[in-house]
Amino acid sequence: MISEGRPWGMYEVLHRAPGVQVKRIEVKPGLRFSLQKHRRRSEKWVVIAGTGVATVGDRQIAATKGVFLDVPCGEAHRMRNTGKDPLVFIEVQFGDYLGEDDIVRLADDFGRTGSL
């Protein structure tokens, strides 16, 4: 399995096949990842631990255990941990290209913006 640390937490690739990738994503307390979008993939999220707020387009959605979220291709999105424990969710990506360089960062707390 592939694990990658990030300033906001980490992710681990659980499954990879043509057109689909599954990740376990953990966001540290008080942090959030980039407001971003993707050109070539959509995502489905299910929260499995912790509490937070998901941004999908112009919506703010409470993210607690059992919540499912749909992130359409091209839609701005991010996840923020509002709790004291790690926020953990499973992300299932669907698309013709699933590389990390498909991220377009619109805003970032760590100074990383633009296309990768």
C-alpha atoms as a PDB file:
ATOM      1  CA  MET A   1       0.000   0.000   0.000  1.00  0.00           C
ATOM      2  CA  ILE A   2       1.070   3.547  -0.692  1.00  0.00           C
ATOM      3  CA  SER A   3       0.969   6.063   2.182  1.00  0.00           C
ATOM      4  CA  GLU A   4       1.682   9.765   1.785  1.00  0.00           C
ATOM      5  CA  GLY A   5       2.094  12.353   4.515  1.00  0.00           C
ATOM      6  CA  ARG A   6       0.711  15.832   3.956  1.00  0.00           C
ATOM      7  CA  PRO A   7       0.827  19.007   6.103  1.00  0.00           C
ATOM      8  CA  TRP A   8      -2.849  18.466   7.019  1.00  0.00           C
ATOM      9  CA  GLY A   9      -2.599  14.702   7.674  1.00  0.00           C
ATOM     10  CA  MET A  10      -2.094  11.695   5.410  1.00  0.00           C
ATOM     11  CA  TYR A  11      -3.660   9.317   2.933  1.00  0.00           C
ATOM     12  CA  GLU A  12      -3.221   5.637   2.169  1.00  0.00           C
ATOM     13  CA  VAL A  13      -4.151   3.983  -1.131  1.00  0.00           C
ATOM     14  CA  LEU A  14      -6.218   0.889  -0.324  1.00  0.00           C
ATOM     15  CA  HIS A  15      -7.137  -0.216  -3.846  1.00  0.00           C
ATOM     16  CA  ARG A  16      -6.226   0.781  -7.389  1.00  0.00           C
ATOM     17  CA  ALA A  17      -7.690  -0.516 -10.663  1.00  0.00           C
ATOM     18  CA  PRO A  18      -8.363   1.053 -14.078  1.00  0.00           C
ATOM     19  CA  GLY A  19     -10.786   3.948 -13.565  1.00  0.00           C
ATOM     20  CA  VAL A  20     -11.075   3.577  -9.773  1.00  0.00           C
ATOM     21  CA  GLN A  21      -8.928   4.248  -6.714  1.00  0.00           C
ATOM     22  CA  VAL A  22      -9.810   3.925  -3.016  1.00  0.00           C
ATOM     23  CA  LYS A  23      -8.025   5.921  -0.307  1.00  0.00           C
ATOM     24  CA  ARG A  24      -8.222   6.178   3.467  1.00  0.00           C
ATOM     25  CA  ILE A  25      -7.724   9.864   4.322  1.00  0.00           C
ATOM     26  CA  GLU A  26      -6.952  11.237   7.781  1.00  0.00           C
ATOM     27  CA  VAL A  27      -7.143  14.968   8.580  1.00  0.00           C
ATOM     28  CA  LYS A  28      -5.445  16.199  11.767  1.00  0.00           C
ATOM     29  CA  PRO A  29      -7.501  18.084  14.386  1.00  0.00           C
ATOM     30  CA  GLY A  30      -7.988  21.760  13.501  1.00  0.00           C
ATOM     31  CA  LEU A  31      -6.636  21.393   9.951  1.00  0.00           C
ATOM     32  CA  ARG A  32      -8.111  21.161   6.456  1.00  0.00           C
ATOM     33  CA  PHE A  33      -6.816  20.273   3.032  1.00  0.00           C
ATOM     34  CA  SER A  34      -6.805  22.516  -0.024  1.00  0.00           C
ATOM     35  CA  LEU A  35      -9.951  23.896  -1.564  1.00  0.00           C
ATOM     36  CA  GLN A  36      -9.515  22.024  -4.823  1.00  0.00           C
ATOM     37  CA  LYS A  37     -11.145  20.544  -7.869  1.00  0.00           C
ATOM     38  CA  HIS A  38     -10.300  17.838 -10.390  1.00  0.00           C
ATOM     39  CA  ARG A  39     -10.555  17.910 -14.167  1.00  0.00           C
ATOM     40  CA  ARG A  40     -10.820  14.167 -14.762  1.00  0.00           C
ATOM     41  CA  ARG A  41     -12.333  12.465 -11.737  1.00  0.00           C
ATOM     42  CA  SER A  42     -15.289  12.480  -9.370  1.00  0.00           C
ATOM     43  CA  GLU A  43     -15.156  11.309  -5.768  1.00  0.00           C
ATOM     44  CA  LYS A  44     -17.443   9.673  -3.200  1.00  0.00           C
ATOM     45  CA  TRP A  45     -16.606  10.131   0.483  1.00  0.00           C
ATOM     46  CA  VAL A  46     -17.836   8.274   3.560  1.00  0.00           C
ATOM     47  CA  VAL A  47     -16.791   9.502   6.999  1.00  0.00           C
ATOM     48  CA  ILE A  48     -15.712   6.683   9.321  1.00  0.00           C
ATOM     49  CA  ALA A  49     -14.397   8.601  12.369  1.00  0.00           C
ATOM     50  CA  GLY A  50     -14.203  12.114  13.787  1.00  0.00           C
ATOM     51  CA  THR A  51     -16.123  15.303  13.089  1.00  0.00           C
ATOM     52  CA  GLY A  52     -15.701  18.009  10.538  1.00  0.00           C
ATOM     53  CA  VAL A  53     -17.198  20.167   7.837  1.00  0.00           C
ATOM     54  CA  ALA A  54     -17.059  19.308   4.152  1.00  0.00           C
ATOM     55  CA  THR A  55     -17.252  21.983   1.485  1.00  0.00           C
ATOM     56  CA  VAL A  56     -18.708  20.797  -1.823  1.00  0.00           C
ATOM     57  CA  GLY A  57     -19.388  23.642  -4.228  1.00  0.00           C
ATOM     58  CA  ASP A  58     -21.194  26.335  -2.223  1.00  0.00           C
ATOM     59  CA  ARG A  59     -22.515  23.869   0.393  1.00  0.00           C
ATOM     60  CA  GLN A  60     -21.127  23.332   3.912  1.00  0.00           C
ATOM     61  CA  ILE A  61     -22.012  19.840   5.142  1.00  0.00           C
ATOM     62  CA  ALA A  62     -21.544  18.411   8.647  1.00  0.00           C
ATOM     63  CA  ALA A  63     -19.143  15.478   8.323  1.00  0.00           C
ATOM     64  CA  THR A  64     -19.681  12.859  11.026  1.00  0.00           C
ATOM     65  CA  LYS A  65     -19.453   9.080  11.136  1.00  0.00           C
ATOM     66  CA  GLY A  66     -21.688   7.514   8.482  1.00  0.00           C
ATOM     67  CA  VAL A  67     -22.119  10.615   6.296  1.00  0.00           C
ATOM     68  CA  PHE A  68     -21.771   9.984   2.544  1.00  0.00           C
ATOM     69  CA  LEU A  69     -20.773  12.837   0.205  1.00  0.00           C
ATOM     70  CA  ASP A  70     -20.729  13.133  -3.580  1.00  0.00           C
ATOM     71  CA  VAL A  71     -18.020  15.305  -5.169  1.00  0.00           C
ATOM     72  CA  PRO A  72     -18.753  15.727  -8.897  1.00  0.00           C
ATOM     73  CA  CYS A  73     -15.924  16.200 -11.382  1.00  0.00           C
ATOM     74  CA  GLY A  74     -14.945  19.881 -11.556  1.00  0.00           C
ATOM     75  CA  GLU A  75     -16.651  20.834  -8.257  1.00  0.00           C
ATOM     76  CA  ALA A  76     -14.606  22.748  -5.650  1.00  0.00           C
ATOM     77  CA  HIS A  77     -14.270  20.761  -2.420  1.00  0.00           C
ATOM     78  CA  ARG A  78     -12.347  20.380   0.847  1.00  0.00           C
ATOM     79  CA  MET A  79     -12.619  18.713   4.237  1.00  0.00           C
ATOM     80  CA  ARG A  80     -11.936  20.420   7.585  1.00  0.00           C
ATOM     81  CA  ASN A  81     -11.499  18.666  10.915  1.00  0.00           C
ATOM     82  CA  THR A  82     -13.416  20.531  13.625  1.00  0.00           C
ATOM     83  CA  GLY A  83     -12.884  17.937  16.352  1.00  0.00           C
ATOM     84  CA  LYS A  84     -10.151  16.954  18.804  1.00  0.00           C
ATOM     85  CA  ASP A  85      -9.490  13.560  17.162  1.00  0.00           C
ATOM     86  CA  PRO A  86      -8.428  12.690  13.608  1.00  0.00           C
ATOM     87  CA  LEU A  87     -11.168  12.958  10.967  1.00  0.00           C
ATOM     88  CA  VAL A  88     -11.043   9.802   8.848  1.00  0.00           C
ATOM     89  CA  PHE A  89     -12.908   9.134   5.636  1.00  0.00           C
ATOM     90  CA  ILE A  90     -12.798   6.735   2.724  1.00  0.00           C
ATOM     91  CA  GLU A  91     -12.553   8.331  -0.707  1.00  0.00           C
ATOM     92  CA  VAL A  92     -13.496   6.427  -3.858  1.00  0.00           C
ATOM     93  CA  GLN A  93     -12.261   8.115  -7.033  1.00  0.00           C
ATOM     94  CA  PHE A  94     -13.755   7.428 -10.473  1.00  0.00           C
ATOM     95  CA  GLY A  95     -12.360   8.733 -13.757  1.00  0.00           C
ATOM     96  CA  ASP A  96     -10.160   8.185 -16.763  1.00  0.00           C
ATOM     97  CA  TYR A  97      -7.142   9.629 -14.910  1.00  0.00           C
ATOM     98  CA  LEU A  98      -6.555   9.420 -11.149  1.00  0.00           C
ATOM     99  CA  GLY A  99      -3.084  10.937 -10.681  1.00  0.00           C
ATOM    100  CA  GLU A 100      -2.321  13.459  -7.942  1.00  0.00           C
ATOM    101  CA  ASP A 101      -1.390  15.993 -10.638  1.00  0.00           C
ATOM    102  CA  ASP A 102      -5.110  16.295 -11.507  1.00  0.00           C
ATOM    103  CA  ILE A 103      -5.526  18.515  -8.423  1.00  0.00           C
ATOM    104  CA  VAL A 104      -6.222  22.204  -9.084  1.00  0.00           C
ATOM    105  CA  ARG A 105      -5.746  24.036  -5.771  1.00  0.00           C
ATOM    106  CA  LEU A 106      -7.985  27.084  -5.422  1.00  0.00           C
ATOM    107  CA  ALA A 107      -6.935  27.980  -1.848  1.00  0.00           C
ATOM    108  CA  ASP A 108      -4.517  26.378   0.586  1.00  0.00           C
ATOM    109  CA  ASP A 109      -3.482  26.996   4.199  1.00  0.00           C
ATOM    110  CA  PHE A 110       0.055  25.793   3.430  1.00  0.00           C
ATOM    111  CA  GLY A 111       0.910  28.092   0.501  1.00  0.00           C
ATOM    112  CA  ARG A 112       0.299  25.496  -2.227  1.00  0.00           C
ATOM    113  CA  THR A 113      -1.998  26.832  -4.972  1.00  0.00           C
ATOM    114  CA  GLY A 114      -2.544  26.297  -8.695  1.00  0.00           C
ATOM    115  CA  SER A 115      -2.294  23.156 -10.795  1.00  0.00           C
ATOM    116  CA  LEU A 116       0.182  20.463  -9.863  1.00  0.00           C
END
